Amino acid sequence: MSIAAALLLALTGPAIVPIEQVRARAAEDEIIYFVLPDRFDNADPTNDTGGLTGDRLATGYDPTAKGFYHGGDLKGLTRRLDYIQALGVTAIWIGPIFKNKPIQGAAGQESAGYHGYWITDFTTVDPHFGTDADFSAFVD
């Protein structure tokens, strides 16, 4: 199963709707919720710095600055799926969760990859968002 398919099935998986019915639905019938994990819910503060040490210019974590990680993670999304589903959502479009370059920018203009778009490794979850197992649990 592709990651995109897994994400679309996160709320409408076999436990809720048979997979055949999900696949038969027209895309225009989906109610899609877009979410950047870092800005949603911080369920696991132990991953806020992505396993890095140092200040915000090393870890990317500074919840007081809009251009840095705030701590939201996959566990936060998972624990709030009931809330999302109660909105009538049938599919989730999740911002990139792959391993990111944590910081970039000229001196005095640095910012962090909280948005997920500075991917350096497409094969693993960025530690700021959790683990591959956390992503699997979210999809399940």
C-alpha atoms as a PDB file:
ATOM      1  CA  MET A   1       0.000   0.000   0.000  1.00  0.00           C
ATOM      2  CA  SER A   2       1.371   3.444  -0.855  1.00  0.00           C
ATOM      3  CA  ILE A   3       1.764   6.115   1.805  1.00  0.00           C
ATOM      4  CA  ALA A   4      -0.871   8.232   0.061  1.00  0.00           C
ATOM      5  CA  ALA A   5      -3.344   5.363   0.134  1.00  0.00           C
ATOM      6  CA  ALA A   6      -2.540   4.698   3.777  1.00  0.00           C
ATOM      7  CA  LEU A   7      -3.176   8.331   4.632  1.00  0.00           C
ATOM      8  CA  LEU A   8      -6.503   8.369   2.827  1.00  0.00           C
ATOM      9  CA  LEU A   9      -7.502   5.258   4.705  1.00  0.00           C
ATOM     10  CA  ALA A  10      -6.453   6.563   8.108  1.00  0.00           C
ATOM     11  CA  LEU A  11     -10.030   7.476   9.025  1.00  0.00           C
ATOM     12  CA  THR A  12     -11.915   5.161   6.734  1.00  0.00           C
ATOM     13  CA  GLY A  13      -9.965   1.967   7.176  1.00  0.00           C
ATOM     14  CA  PRO A  14     -11.486  -1.498   7.343  1.00  0.00           C
ATOM     15  CA  ALA A  15     -12.674  -1.079  10.933  1.00  0.00           C
ATOM     16  CA  ILE A  16     -15.036   1.700   9.816  1.00  0.00           C
ATOM     17  CA  VAL A  17     -15.777   1.120   6.124  1.00  0.00           C
ATOM     18  CA  PRO A  18     -14.858  -1.934   4.043  1.00  0.00           C
ATOM     19  CA  ILE A  19     -11.836  -1.148   1.878  1.00  0.00           C
ATOM     20  CA  GLU A  20     -13.766  -1.929  -1.295  1.00  0.00           C
ATOM     21  CA  GLN A  21     -16.224   0.848  -0.464  1.00  0.00           C
ATOM     22  CA  VAL A  22     -13.419   3.294   0.247  1.00  0.00           C
ATOM     23  CA  ARG A  23     -11.749   2.542  -3.076  1.00  0.00           C
ATOM     24  CA  ALA A  24     -15.062   2.845  -4.931  1.00  0.00           C
ATOM     25  CA  ARG A  25     -15.780   6.352  -3.614  1.00  0.00           C
ATOM     26  CA  ALA A  26     -15.176   9.218  -5.989  1.00  0.00           C
ATOM     27  CA  ALA A  27     -12.440  11.595  -4.853  1.00  0.00           C
ATOM     28  CA  GLU A  28     -14.874  14.509  -4.981  1.00  0.00           C
ATOM     29  CA  ASP A  29     -16.972  12.779  -2.302  1.00  0.00           C
ATOM     30  CA  GLU A  30     -14.164  12.914   0.270  1.00  0.00           C
ATOM     31  CA  ILE A  31     -14.030  15.560   2.967  1.00  0.00           C
ATOM     32  CA  ILE A  32     -10.323  16.190   3.342  1.00  0.00           C
ATOM     33  CA  TYR A  33      -8.656  17.692   6.410  1.00  0.00           C
ATOM     34  CA  PHE A  34      -5.172  19.136   5.847  1.00  0.00           C
ATOM     35  CA  VAL A  35      -2.897  19.158   8.867  1.00  0.00           C
ATOM     36  CA  LEU A  36       0.709  20.015   9.665  1.00  0.00           C
ATOM     37  CA  PRO A  37       1.517  17.647  12.518  1.00  0.00           C
ATOM     38  CA  ASP A  38       3.788  20.145  14.271  1.00  0.00           C
ATOM     39  CA  ARG A  39       0.968  22.647  14.625  1.00  0.00           C
ATOM     40  CA  PHE A  40      -1.760  20.237  15.717  1.00  0.00           C
ATOM     41  CA  ASP A  41      -1.241  18.462  19.056  1.00  0.00           C
ATOM     42  CA  ASN A  42       1.844  17.659  21.128  1.00  0.00           C
ATOM     43  CA  ALA A  43       1.203  14.270  22.710  1.00  0.00           C
ATOM     44  CA  ASP A  44       4.866  13.345  23.262  1.00  0.00           C
ATOM     45  CA  PRO A  45       7.125  16.160  24.532  1.00  0.00           C
ATOM     46  CA  THR A  46      10.096  13.768  24.518  1.00  0.00           C
ATOM     47  CA  ASN A  47      10.388  14.164  20.730  1.00  0.00           C
ATOM     48  CA  ASP A  48      10.141  17.969  20.635  1.00  0.00           C
ATOM     49  CA  THR A  49      13.841  18.449  19.861  1.00  0.00           C
ATOM     50  CA  GLY A  50      13.977  15.561  17.391  1.00  0.00           C
ATOM     51  CA  GLY A  51      16.667  13.839  19.459  1.00  0.00           C
ATOM     52  CA  LEU A  52      19.038  16.754  18.866  1.00  0.00           C
ATOM     53  CA  THR A  53      20.762  18.709  21.626  1.00  0.00           C
ATOM     54  CA  GLY A  54      21.453  22.393  21.977  1.00  0.00           C
ATOM     55  CA  ASP A  55      19.454  25.558  21.472  1.00  0.00           C
ATOM     56  CA  ARG A  56      16.792  26.251  18.848  1.00  0.00           C
ATOM     57  CA  LEU A  57      19.423  26.727  16.139  1.00  0.00           C
ATOM     58  CA  ALA A  58      20.549  23.141  16.690  1.00  0.00           C
ATOM     59  CA  THR A  59      17.227  21.440  17.400  1.00  0.00           C
ATOM     60  CA  GLY A  60      14.767  23.645  15.548  1.00  0.00           C
ATOM     61  CA  TYR A  61      12.473  23.635  18.595  1.00  0.00           C
ATOM     62  CA  ASP A  62      11.134  26.936  19.931  1.00  0.00           C
ATOM     63  CA  PRO A  63       7.379  27.033  20.538  1.00  0.00           C
ATOM     64  CA  THR A  64       7.561  30.800  21.085  1.00  0.00           C
ATOM     65  CA  ALA A  65       8.720  31.474  17.505  1.00  0.00           C
ATOM     66  CA  LYS A  66       6.446  30.965  14.500  1.00  0.00           C
ATOM     67  CA  GLY A  67       9.272  29.714  12.256  1.00  0.00           C
ATOM     68  CA  PHE A  68      10.342  26.871  14.550  1.00  0.00           C
ATOM     69  CA  TYR A  69       8.991  23.520  15.713  1.00  0.00           C
ATOM     70  CA  HIS A  70       6.201  23.780  18.286  1.00  0.00           C
ATOM     71  CA  GLY A  71       6.064  20.111  19.270  1.00  0.00           C
ATOM     72  CA  GLY A  72       3.023  18.634  17.532  1.00  0.00           C
ATOM     73  CA  ASP A  73       3.505  15.010  16.539  1.00  0.00           C
ATOM     74  CA  LEU A  74       1.972  11.839  15.133  1.00  0.00           C
ATOM     75  CA  LYS A  75       0.878  10.660  18.565  1.00  0.00           C
ATOM     76  CA  GLY A  76      -1.044  13.915  18.897  1.00  0.00           C
ATOM     77  CA  LEU A  77      -2.804  13.312  15.589  1.00  0.00           C
ATOM     78  CA  THR A  78      -3.596   9.752  16.588  1.00  0.00           C
ATOM     79  CA  ARG A  79      -5.105  10.711  19.922  1.00  0.00           C
ATOM     80  CA  ARG A  80      -7.271  13.352  18.233  1.00  0.00           C
ATOM     81  CA  LEU A  81      -8.669  11.217  15.398  1.00  0.00           C
ATOM     82  CA  ASP A  82     -12.065  11.106  17.106  1.00  0.00           C
ATOM     83  CA  TYR A  83     -12.157  14.911  17.061  1.00  0.00           C
ATOM     84  CA  ILE A  84     -11.206  15.028  13.368  1.00  0.00           C
ATOM     85  CA  GLN A  85     -13.746  12.367  12.465  1.00  0.00           C
ATOM     86  CA  ALA A  86     -16.455  14.233  14.395  1.00  0.00           C
ATOM     87  CA  LEU A  87     -15.907  17.144  11.990  1.00  0.00           C
ATOM     88  CA  GLY A  88     -17.207  14.878   9.214  1.00  0.00           C
ATOM     89  CA  VAL A  89     -13.780  14.289   7.725  1.00  0.00           C
ATOM     90  CA  THR A  90     -13.312  11.146   5.616  1.00  0.00           C
ATOM     91  CA  ALA A  91      -9.642  11.569   4.647  1.00  0.00           C
ATOM     92  CA  ILE A  92      -6.557  13.273   6.037  1.00  0.00           C
ATOM     93  CA  TRP A  93      -3.966  15.080   3.956  1.00  0.00           C
ATOM     94  CA  ILE A  94      -0.978  15.190   6.241  1.00  0.00           C
ATOM     95  CA  GLY A  95       1.958  17.529   5.658  1.00  0.00           C
ATOM     96  CA  PRO A  96       5.248  15.755   4.964  1.00  0.00           C
ATOM     97  CA  ILE A  97       6.491  13.744   7.930  1.00  0.00           C
ATOM     98  CA  PHE A  98       9.788  12.501   6.509  1.00  0.00           C
ATOM     99  CA  LYS A  99      13.182  13.265   8.033  1.00  0.00           C
ATOM    100  CA  ASN A 100      13.919  16.954   7.552  1.00  0.00           C
ATOM    101  CA  LYS A 101      16.808  19.351   7.653  1.00  0.00           C
ATOM    102  CA  PRO A 102      16.008  20.901  11.036  1.00  0.00           C
ATOM    103  CA  ILE A 103      17.354  24.443  10.423  1.00  0.00           C
ATOM    104  CA  GLN A 104      18.336  26.590   7.494  1.00  0.00           C
ATOM    105  CA  GLY A 105      18.697  30.256   6.626  1.00  0.00           C
ATOM    106  CA  ALA A 106      21.272  32.987   6.851  1.00  0.00           C
ATOM    107  CA  ALA A 107      22.464  34.160  10.265  1.00  0.00           C
ATOM    108  CA  GLY A 108      19.647  36.041  11.931  1.00  0.00           C
ATOM    109  CA  GLN A 109      17.105  34.657   9.442  1.00  0.00           C
ATOM    110  CA  GLU A 110      17.090  31.006  10.460  1.00  0.00           C
ATOM    111  CA  SER A 111      13.952  28.935  10.608  1.00  0.00           C
ATOM    112  CA  ALA A 112      13.076  25.306  11.139  1.00  0.00           C
ATOM    113  CA  GLY A 113      11.579  22.571   8.966  1.00  0.00           C
ATOM    114  CA  TYR A 114       8.432  22.196  11.092  1.00  0.00           C
ATOM    115  CA  HIS A 115       6.371  22.208   7.880  1.00  0.00           C
ATOM    116  CA  GLY A 116       8.085  19.067   6.611  1.00  0.00           C
ATOM    117  CA  TYR A 117       9.154  20.390   3.213  1.00  0.00           C
ATOM    118  CA  TRP A 118      12.959  20.212   3.694  1.00  0.00           C
ATOM    119  CA  ILE A 119      13.128  16.440   3.330  1.00  0.00           C
ATOM    120  CA  THR A 120      16.525  14.776   3.525  1.00  0.00           C
ATOM    121  CA  ASP A 121      15.356  11.149   3.812  1.00  0.00           C
ATOM    122  CA  PHE A 122      12.140   9.854   2.256  1.00  0.00           C
ATOM    123  CA  THR A 123      12.405   6.499   4.040  1.00  0.00           C
ATOM    124  CA  THR A 124      11.903   7.472   7.672  1.00  0.00           C
ATOM    125  CA  VAL A 125       9.749   9.694   9.861  1.00  0.00           C
ATOM    126  CA  ASP A 126      11.382  12.863  11.168  1.00  0.00           C
ATOM    127  CA  PRO A 127      12.135  12.369  14.879  1.00  0.00           C
ATOM    128  CA  HIS A 128      10.421  15.681  15.697  1.00  0.00           C
ATOM    129  CA  PHE A 129       7.141  14.012  14.641  1.00  0.00           C
ATOM    130  CA  GLY A 130       7.784  10.619  16.228  1.00  0.00           C
ATOM    131  CA  THR A 131       8.794   7.264  14.831  1.00  0.00           C
ATOM    132  CA  ASP A 132       7.908   4.972  11.953  1.00  0.00           C
ATOM    133  CA  ALA A 133       5.900   2.965  14.514  1.00  0.00           C
ATOM    134  CA  ASP A 134       3.967   6.114  15.474  1.00  0.00           C
ATOM    135  CA  PHE A 135       3.079   6.656  11.816  1.00  0.00           C
ATOM    136  CA  SER A 136       1.959   3.050  11.501  1.00  0.00           C
ATOM    137  CA  ALA A 137      -0.222   3.442  14.589  1.00  0.00           C
ATOM    138  CA  PHE A 138      -1.745   6.621  13.120  1.00  0.00           C
ATOM    139  CA  VAL A 139      -2.631   4.813   9.883  1.00  0.00           C
ATOM    140  CA  ASP A 140      -4.002   1.806  11.772  1.00  0.00           C
END
